C-alpha atoms as a PDB file:
ATOM      1  CA  MET A   1      -1.736   5.457  11.343  1.00  0.00           C
ATOM      2  CA  ILE A   2      -2.907   2.015  11.075  1.00  0.00           C
ATOM      3  CA  ALA A   3      -5.205   2.303  14.466  1.00  0.00           C
ATOM      4  CA  SER A   4      -7.019   5.171  12.920  1.00  0.00           C
ATOM      5  CA  LEU A   5      -7.588   3.492   9.443  1.00  0.00           C
ATOM      6  CA  TYR A   6      -8.543   0.452  11.151  1.00  0.00           C
ATOM      7  CA  ASN A   7     -11.483   2.910  13.760  1.00  0.00           C
ATOM      8  CA  THR A   8     -12.283   4.489  11.179  1.00  0.00           C
ATOM      9  CA  LEU A   9     -13.695   1.432   9.290  1.00  0.00           C
ATOM     10  CA  LEU A  10     -14.683  -0.277  12.717  1.00  0.00           C
ATOM     11  CA  TRP A  11     -17.333   3.052  13.172  1.00  0.00           C
ATOM     12  CA  TYR A  12     -18.727   2.590   9.444  1.00  0.00           C
ATOM     13  CA  ASN A  13     -18.946  -1.363  10.197  1.00  0.00           C
ATOM     14  CA  ALA A  14     -20.843   0.011  13.179  1.00  0.00           C
ATOM     15  CA  ASN A  15     -22.866   2.402  11.514  1.00  0.00           C
ATOM     16  CA  ARG A  16     -24.191   1.202   8.054  1.00  0.00           C
ATOM     17  CA  GLY A  17     -26.879   4.052   7.865  1.00  0.00           C
ATOM     18  CA  SER A  18     -24.499   6.589   7.230  1.00  0.00           C
ATOM     19  CA  PRO A  19     -23.830   8.574   4.238  1.00  0.00           C
ATOM     20  CA  ALA A  20     -20.469   6.746   2.766  1.00  0.00           C
ATOM     21  CA  SER A  21     -20.797   3.492   4.640  1.00  0.00           C
ATOM     22  CA  SER A  22     -22.232   1.745   1.490  1.00  0.00           C
ATOM     23  CA  LYS A  23     -19.879   2.605  -0.559  1.00  0.00           C
ATOM     24  CA  ILE A  24     -17.226   2.229   1.829  1.00  0.00           C
ATOM     25  CA  LEU A  25     -17.870  -1.283   3.072  1.00  0.00           C
ATOM     26  CA  ASN A  26     -18.873  -2.587  -0.380  1.00  0.00           C
ATOM     27  CA  LEU A  27     -14.877  -1.555  -1.583  1.00  0.00           C
ATOM     28  CA  PHE A  28     -14.088  -3.694   1.743  1.00  0.00           C
ATOM     29  CA  GLU A  29     -16.448  -6.848   0.601  1.00  0.00           C
ATOM     30  CA  LEU A  30     -14.853  -5.996  -2.992  1.00  0.00           C
ATOM     31  CA  TRP A  31     -11.396  -6.186  -1.645  1.00  0.00           C
ATOM     32  CA  LYS A  32     -11.652  -9.137   1.479  1.00  0.00           C
ATOM     33  CA  ASN A  33     -13.637 -11.540  -1.201  1.00  0.00           C
ATOM     34  CA  LEU A  34     -10.945 -11.173  -3.461  1.00  0.00           C
ATOM     35  CA  HIS A  35      -8.799 -12.514  -1.004  1.00  0.00           C
ATOM     36  CA  ALA A  36     -11.063 -15.135   0.493  1.00  0.00           C
ATOM     37  CA  MET A  37     -11.110 -16.513  -3.301  1.00  0.00           C
ATOM     38  CA  PHE A  38      -7.288 -16.050  -3.900  1.00  0.00           C
ATOM     39  CA  VAL A  39      -5.741 -16.659  -0.394  1.00  0.00           C
ATOM     40  CA  ASN A  40      -5.623 -18.954   2.403  1.00  0.00           C
ATOM     41  CA  ILE A  41      -4.856 -16.973   5.492  1.00  0.00           C
ATOM     42  CA  SER A  42      -3.416 -19.802   8.508  1.00  0.00           C
ATOM     43  CA  ASP A  43      -4.227 -19.483  12.172  1.00  0.00           C
ATOM     44  CA  GLU A  44      -0.527 -19.083  12.548  1.00  0.00           C
ATOM     45  CA  GLY A  45      -0.802 -16.143  10.203  1.00  0.00           C
ATOM     46  CA  TRP A  46      -3.921 -13.836  11.786  1.00  0.00           C
ATOM     47  CA  ARG A  47      -1.823 -14.890  15.684  1.00  0.00           C
ATOM     48  CA  SER A  48       1.013 -12.956  14.240  1.00  0.00           C
ATOM     49  CA  LEU A  49      -1.620 -10.483  13.014  1.00  0.00           C
ATOM     50  CA  LYS A  50      -3.177 -10.151  16.565  1.00  0.00           C
ATOM     51  CA  ASP A  51       0.362  -9.711  18.008  1.00  0.00           C
ATOM     52  CA  LEU A  52       0.983  -6.867  15.569  1.00  0.00           C
ATOM     53  CA  ALA A  53      -2.407  -5.445  16.775  1.00  0.00           C
ATOM     54  CA  GLU A  54      -1.353  -5.597  20.234  1.00  0.00           C
ATOM     55  CA  LYS A  55       2.096  -3.949  19.361  1.00  0.00           C
ATOM     56  CA  LEU A  56      -0.039  -1.190  18.050  1.00  0.00           C
ATOM     57  CA  ASN A  57      -2.704  -0.943  21.645  1.00  0.00           C
ATOM     58  CA  ILE A  58      -5.117  -2.179  19.110  1.00  0.00           C
ATOM     59  CA  THR A  59      -7.714  -4.691  20.354  1.00  0.00           C
ATOM     60  CA  MET A  60      -8.352  -7.074  17.658  1.00  0.00           C
ATOM     61  CA  ARG A  61     -10.148 -10.567  18.251  1.00  0.00           C
ATOM     62  CA  ILE A  62      -9.497 -13.509  15.842  1.00  0.00           C
ATOM     63  CA  SER A  63     -12.758 -14.986  16.901  1.00  0.00           C
ATOM     64  CA  ARG A  64     -14.188 -11.501  15.377  1.00  0.00           C
ATOM     65  CA  GLU A  65     -14.109 -12.327  11.421  1.00  0.00           C
ATOM     66  CA  ASP A  66     -15.443  -8.566  11.601  1.00  0.00           C
ATOM     67  CA  GLU A  67     -12.403  -7.235  13.720  1.00  0.00           C
ATOM     68  CA  LYS A  68      -9.749  -9.263  11.891  1.00  0.00           C
ATOM     69  CA  TRP A  69     -10.488  -9.000   8.479  1.00  0.00           C
ATOM     70  CA  LEU A  70     -10.876  -4.960   9.210  1.00  0.00           C
ATOM     71  CA  PHE A  71      -7.885  -4.692  10.294  1.00  0.00           C
ATOM     72  CA  LEU A  72      -6.060  -6.473   8.037  1.00  0.00           C
ATOM     73  CA  TYR A  73      -7.618  -4.392   5.111  1.00  0.00           C
ATOM     74  CA  ALA A  74      -6.584  -1.028   7.053  1.00  0.00           C
ATOM     75  CA  LEU A  75      -2.981  -2.392   7.478  1.00  0.00           C
ATOM     76  CA  GLU A  76      -3.328  -2.760   3.414  1.00  0.00           C
ATOM     77  CA  THR A  77      -4.419   0.537   3.408  1.00  0.00           C
ATOM     78  CA  TYR A  78      -2.073   2.070   5.097  1.00  0.00           C
ATOM     79  CA  LEU A  79       1.034   0.307   3.278  1.00  0.00           C
ATOM     80  CA  ASN A  80      -0.985   1.929   0.235  1.00  0.00           C
ATOM     81  CA  ILE A  81      -0.632   5.035   1.103  1.00  0.00           C
ATOM     82  CA  LEU A  82       3.155   5.244   2.229  1.00  0.00           C
ATOM     83  CA  MET A  83       3.467   3.743  -1.456  1.00  0.00           C
ATOM     84  CA  ARG A  84       1.610   5.662  -3.772  1.00  0.00           C
ATOM     85  CA  ALA A  85       3.195   8.679  -1.608  1.00  0.00           C
ATOM     86  CA  ILE A  86       6.993   7.387  -1.720  1.00  0.00           C
ATOM     87  CA  THR A  87       6.197   7.212  -5.921  1.00  0.00           C
ATOM     88  CA  LEU A  88       5.309  10.265  -5.624  1.00  0.00           C
ATOM     89  CA  SER A  89       8.578  11.561  -4.229  1.00  0.00           C
ATOM     90  CA  LYS A  90      10.208   9.795  -6.574  1.00  0.00           C
ATOM     91  CA  LEU A  91       8.937  11.353  -9.502  1.00  0.00           C
ATOM     92  CA  GLY A  92       9.371  14.951  -8.128  1.00  0.00           C
ATOM     93  CA  ARG A  93       5.590  15.345  -6.926  1.00  0.00           C
ATOM     94  CA  SER A  94       5.949  14.875  -3.140  1.00  0.00           C
ATOM     95  CA  VAL A  95       3.079  16.662  -1.128  1.00  0.00           C
ATOM     96  CA  LYS A  96       2.556  16.813   2.620  1.00  0.00           C
ATOM     97  CA  ASP A  97      -1.067  17.299   2.864  1.00  0.00           C
ATOM     98  CA  LEU A  98      -3.932  15.031   2.275  1.00  0.00           C
ATOM     99  CA  GLU A  99      -5.908  17.150  -0.088  1.00  0.00           C
ATOM    100  CA  SER A 100      -2.154  17.855  -2.085  1.00  0.00           C
ATOM    101  CA  PHE A 101      -2.100  13.479  -2.017  1.00  0.00           C
ATOM    102  CA  ARG A 102      -5.547  12.942  -3.925  1.00  0.00           C
ATOM    103  CA  ASP A 103      -5.415  15.726  -6.502  1.00  0.00           C
ATOM    104  CA  ASN A 104      -2.144  14.483  -7.122  1.00  0.00           C
ATOM    105  CA  ILE A 105      -3.692  11.091  -7.079  1.00  0.00           C
ATOM    106  CA  TYR A 106      -6.459  12.024  -9.789  1.00  0.00           C
ATOM    107  CA  GLN A 107      -4.025  13.687 -11.981  1.00  0.00           C
ATOM    108  CA  LEU A 108      -1.772  10.781 -12.350  1.00  0.00           C
ATOM    109  CA  ARG A 109      -4.169   8.119 -13.090  1.00  0.00           C
ATOM    110  CA  ASN A 110      -1.873   6.740 -15.859  1.00  0.00           C
ATOM    111  CA  ILE A 111       0.300   5.260 -12.921  1.00  0.00           C
ATOM    112  CA  PHE A 112      -1.613   5.096  -9.785  1.00  0.00           C
ATOM    113  CA  GLU A 113      -5.476   3.168 -11.120  1.00  0.00           C
ATOM    114  CA  HIS A 114      -8.389   3.172  -8.851  1.00  0.00           C
ATOM    115  CA  ASN A 115      -8.292   0.932  -6.463  1.00  0.00           C
ATOM    116  CA  VAL A 116     -10.101  -0.345  -2.938  1.00  0.00           C
ATOM    117  CA  PHE A 117      -7.790   1.579  -0.792  1.00  0.00           C
ATOM    118  CA  GLU A 118      -9.238   5.238  -1.782  1.00  0.00           C
ATOM    119  CA  TRP A 119     -11.955   5.116   0.638  1.00  0.00           C
ATOM    120  CA  ILE A 120     -10.007   7.062   3.140  1.00  0.00           C
ATOM    121  CA  PHE A 121     -10.351   9.620   0.123  1.00  0.00           C
ATOM    122  CA  ASP A 122     -14.143   9.552   1.392  1.00  0.00           C
ATOM    123  CA  ALA A 123     -14.122   9.106   4.861  1.00  0.00           C
ATOM    124  CA  SER A 124     -11.532  12.358   5.264  1.00  0.00           C
ATOM    125  CA  TYR A 125     -14.190  14.473   3.718  1.00  0.00           C
ATOM    126  CA  ASP A 126     -17.235  12.565   5.462  1.00  0.00           C
ATOM    127  CA  ASN A 127     -19.563  14.962   7.903  1.00  0.00           C
ATOM    128  CA  SER A 128     -21.806  11.889   8.922  1.00  0.00           C
ATOM    129  CA  LEU A 129     -18.355  10.355  10.829  1.00  0.00           C
ATOM    130  CA  GLN A 130     -17.747  10.919  13.976  1.00  0.00           C
ATOM    131  CA  GLN A 131     -15.651  14.392  14.489  1.00  0.00           C
ATOM    132  CA  LYS A 132     -12.826  12.684  16.155  1.00  0.00           C
ATOM    133  CA  ILE A 133     -11.990   9.623  14.147  1.00  0.00           C
ATOM    134  CA  ARG A 134     -11.922  12.034  11.255  1.00  0.00           C
ATOM    135  CA  GLU A 135      -9.877  14.449  12.783  1.00  0.00           C
ATOM    136  CA  ASP A 136      -7.315  11.353  13.529  1.00  0.00           C
ATOM    137  CA  LEU A 137      -7.463   9.807  10.142  1.00  0.00           C
ATOM    138  CA  ARG A 138      -6.793  13.247   8.311  1.00  0.00           C
ATOM    139  CA  SER A 139      -3.815  14.595  10.908  1.00  0.00           C
ATOM    140  CA  SER A 140      -2.369  10.729  10.439  1.00  0.00           C
ATOM    141  CA  ILE A 141      -2.587  10.887   6.744  1.00  0.00           C
ATOM    142  CA  ASN A 142      -0.771  14.213   7.231  1.00  0.00           C
ATOM    143  CA  LEU A 143       1.535  13.084   9.179  1.00  0.00           C
ATOM    144  CA  LEU A 144       2.832  10.285   7.273  1.00  0.00           C
ATOM    145  CA  LEU A 145       2.855  12.251   4.103  1.00  0.00           C
ATOM    146  CA  GLU A 146       4.646  15.341   5.999  1.00  0.00           C
ATOM    147  CA  VAL A 147       7.579  12.177   6.829  1.00  0.00           C
ATOM    148  CA  VAL A 148       7.905  11.237   3.544  1.00  0.00           C
ATOM    149  CA  TYR A 149       7.220  14.968   2.232  1.00  0.00           C
ATOM    150  CA  ASN A 150      10.672  15.490   3.871  1.00  0.00           C
ATOM    151  CA  LEU A 151      12.678  12.296   3.023  1.00  0.00           C
ATOM    152  CA  ASP A 152      15.460  12.791   0.224  1.00  0.00           C
ATOM    153  CA  LEU A 153      14.621   9.953  -1.454  1.00  0.00           C
ATOM    154  CA  PHE A 154      16.239  10.824  -4.652  1.00  0.00           C
ATOM    155  CA  TYR A 155      20.068   8.745  -3.943  1.00  0.00           C
ATOM    156  CA  VAL A 156      18.117   5.823  -2.947  1.00  0.00           C
ATOM    157  CA  SER A 157      18.959   2.882  -4.502  1.00  0.00           C
ATOM    158  CA  PHE A 158      17.542  -0.081  -2.778  1.00  0.00           C
ATOM    159  CA  ASP A 159      13.903  -1.692  -2.748  1.00  0.00           C
ATOM    160  CA  MET A 160      11.537   0.371  -0.523  1.00  0.00           C
ATOM    161  CA  PHE A 161       8.487  -1.046  -1.393  1.00  0.00           C
ATOM    162  CA  ARG A 162      10.229  -4.582  -0.097  1.00  0.00           C
ATOM    163  CA  GLU A 163      11.567  -3.437   2.514  1.00  0.00           C
ATOM    164  CA  PHE A 164       8.559  -1.775   3.857  1.00  0.00           C
ATOM    165  CA  TYR A 165       6.454  -4.250   2.832  1.00  0.00           C
ATOM    166  CA  GLN A 166       8.452  -7.556   4.782  1.00  0.00           C
ATOM    167  CA  ASN A 167       8.463  -5.098   8.042  1.00  0.00           C
ATOM    168  CA  ILE A 168       5.068  -4.238   8.238  1.00  0.00           C
ATOM    169  CA  LEU A 169       3.543  -7.219   7.337  1.00  0.00           C
ATOM    170  CA  PRO A 170       4.044 -10.939   9.523  1.00  0.00           C
ATOM    171  CA  ARG A 171       5.869 -13.026   7.366  1.00  0.00           C
ATOM    172  CA  GLU A 172       3.047 -15.976   8.463  1.00  0.00           C
ATOM    173  CA  VAL A 173       0.533 -13.699   6.734  1.00  0.00           C
ATOM    174  CA  ARG A 174       3.386 -13.153   3.638  1.00  0.00           C
ATOM    175  CA  LYS A 175       3.710 -16.962   3.793  1.00  0.00           C
ATOM    176  CA  SER A 176      -0.068 -17.100   2.835  1.00  0.00           C
ATOM    177  CA  LEU A 177      -0.225 -15.032   0.629  1.00  0.00           C
ATOM    178  CA  GLY A 178       2.520 -16.464  -1.783  1.00  0.00           C
ATOM    179  CA  GLU A 179       4.333 -12.978  -1.382  1.00  0.00           C
ATOM    180  CA  PHE A 180       8.206 -13.607  -1.413  1.00  0.00           C
ATOM    181  CA  TYR A 181      10.658 -10.676  -2.786  1.00  0.00           C
ATOM    182  CA  THR A 182      13.883 -11.459  -4.399  1.00  0.00           C
ATOM    183  CA  ASN A 183      16.954 -11.436  -2.725  1.00  0.00           C
ATOM    184  CA  ASP A 184      19.283  -7.928  -4.425  1.00  0.00           C
ATOM    185  CA  ASP A 185      22.180 -10.160  -5.346  1.00  0.00           C
ATOM    186  CA  ILE A 186      20.337 -12.985  -7.032  1.00  0.00           C
ATOM    187  CA  VAL A 187      18.498  -9.832  -8.886  1.00  0.00           C
ATOM    188  CA  ASN A 188      21.912  -8.615 -10.018  1.00  0.00           C
ATOM    189  CA  LYS A 189      23.379 -12.260 -10.760  1.00  0.00           C
ATOM    190  CA  VAL A 190      20.088 -12.366 -13.452  1.00  0.00           C
ATOM    191  CA  LEU A 191      21.029  -9.103 -14.684  1.00  0.00           C
ATOM    192  CA  ASP A 192      24.828 -10.101 -15.125  1.00  0.00           C
ATOM    193  CA  ALA A 193      23.834 -13.255 -16.599  1.00  0.00           C
ATOM    194  CA  ALA A 194      22.078 -10.950 -19.121  1.00  0.00           C
ATOM    195  CA  GLU A 195      24.725  -8.546 -20.101  1.00  0.00           C
ATOM    196  CA  LEU A 196      22.773  -5.385 -18.718  1.00  0.00           C
ATOM    197  CA  ASP A 197      24.901  -3.926 -16.713  1.00  0.00           C
ATOM    198  CA  ARG A 198      24.531   0.063 -15.917  1.00  0.00           C
ATOM    199  CA  ASP A 199      25.017   1.094 -19.461  1.00  0.00           C
ATOM    200  CA  ALA A 200      23.366  -1.551 -21.615  1.00  0.00           C
ATOM    201  CA  ILE A 201      20.061  -0.167 -19.160  1.00  0.00           C
ATOM    202  CA  ARG A 202      21.043   3.198 -19.895  1.00  0.00           C
ATOM    203  CA  ASN A 203      21.034   2.584 -23.708  1.00  0.00           C
ATOM    204  CA  LEU A 204      17.513   0.547 -23.801  1.00  0.00           C
ATOM    205  CA  TYR A 205      15.709   3.264 -21.887  1.00  0.00           C
ATOM    206  CA  GLU A 206      17.730   5.689 -23.935  1.00  0.00           C
ATOM    207  CA  ARG A 207      16.705   3.961 -27.569  1.00  0.00           C
ATOM    208  CA  TRP A 208      13.432   3.674 -25.430  1.00  0.00           C
ATOM    209  CA  ARG A 209      12.970   7.735 -24.962  1.00  0.00           C
ATOM    210  CA  ARG A 210      13.646   7.996 -28.992  1.00  0.00           C
ATOM    211  CA  GLY A 211      10.995   6.047 -29.678  1.00  0.00           C
ATOM    212  CA  GLU A 212      13.002   3.110 -30.660  1.00  0.00           C
ATOM    213  CA  LYS A 213      10.747   0.594 -29.579  1.00  0.00           C
ATOM    214  CA  ASP A 214      12.242  -2.882 -30.740  1.00  0.00           C
ATOM    215  CA  THR A 215      13.664  -4.336 -27.783  1.00  0.00           C
ATOM    216  CA  ILE A 216      10.498  -5.568 -24.957  1.00  0.00           C
ATOM    217  CA  ILE A 217      12.146  -6.356 -21.320  1.00  0.00           C
ATOM    218  CA  LEU A 218       9.474  -8.467 -19.661  1.00  0.00           C
ATOM    219  CA  ASP A 219       9.243  -9.373 -16.288  1.00  0.00           C
ATOM    220  CA  PRO A 220       5.863 -11.277 -15.487  1.00  0.00           C
ATOM    221  CA  ALA A 221       6.665 -11.462 -12.006  1.00  0.00           C
ATOM    222  CA  CYS A 222       7.494  -8.096 -11.067  1.00  0.00           C
ATOM    223  CA  GLY A 223       6.215  -7.429  -7.783  1.00  0.00           C
ATOM    224  CA  SER A 224       8.187  -4.365  -6.179  1.00  0.00           C
ATOM    225  CA  GLY A 225       9.214  -3.748  -9.787  1.00  0.00           C
ATOM    226  CA  PHE A 226      13.172  -4.295  -8.037  1.00  0.00           C
ATOM    227  CA  PHE A 227      14.492  -6.181 -11.600  1.00  0.00           C
END
C-alpha cells in the first residue's frame, strides 16, 4: 500500500497539468512546509527511510528532494488511513471499502477533522490518473480496510496506535520528529498515584454522561491518547 501511495504521488509530481494534481500537490507542499518549519530530519533519519523503502521494493533516492519527501508523505498517509480505519472499528463503524470509508469520514467530522492526508479521496476518483496506478491505489486501500474490518478490536486494551507508529516509522525519524511514547508501566504508575483506578475512571465517565462536567482531566501532551 505504501508503494501504491508513493507511485501515485510520483505520478502527480510528474504530471502537474492533470486536473487533480494542483490540489494534491498543494496539500503535499502544505504538509512539507510544516515539517520543514518545525522538524529537522537528520541524515541518519533519511538513510533509515531509504532502507525502509528498499525493504518495500521502492526506489527512493535521498539525493532527490522530491522523492524523499514524497516517500515520507506516502508513509504518513498510510499511517493516517490505518489509524482512522481502526478508530472507525472501535466506534462500531468498521468499513471494508473505500467508498464507505470516505463517507464515514465525512459524516463524522466531529471526530475526523480535515487533514492533508485526504488527498487519497481525490486521487482514487481521478479519471485522469493513469489507470493501473489508480487501480493499484484503490485495491491496496480496500485490502487494508478489509483486513481491519475482519479484526475483532473490541477487547484490545493496549495502545495500538503507538505500536503501529513505532513499528512502521524508523526510530531515527521519530527521534528527529521528537516523538516518544510513554511506556505502559509509567502510565499505570501515574494513574495509580492520582488514585485513578478502574472504578474511579468509570465513575468520572458516568458523571460526564449525566452532564456533570465539574471534573476536567487534561493531558496536554496526549500523543496517541493512551492516558
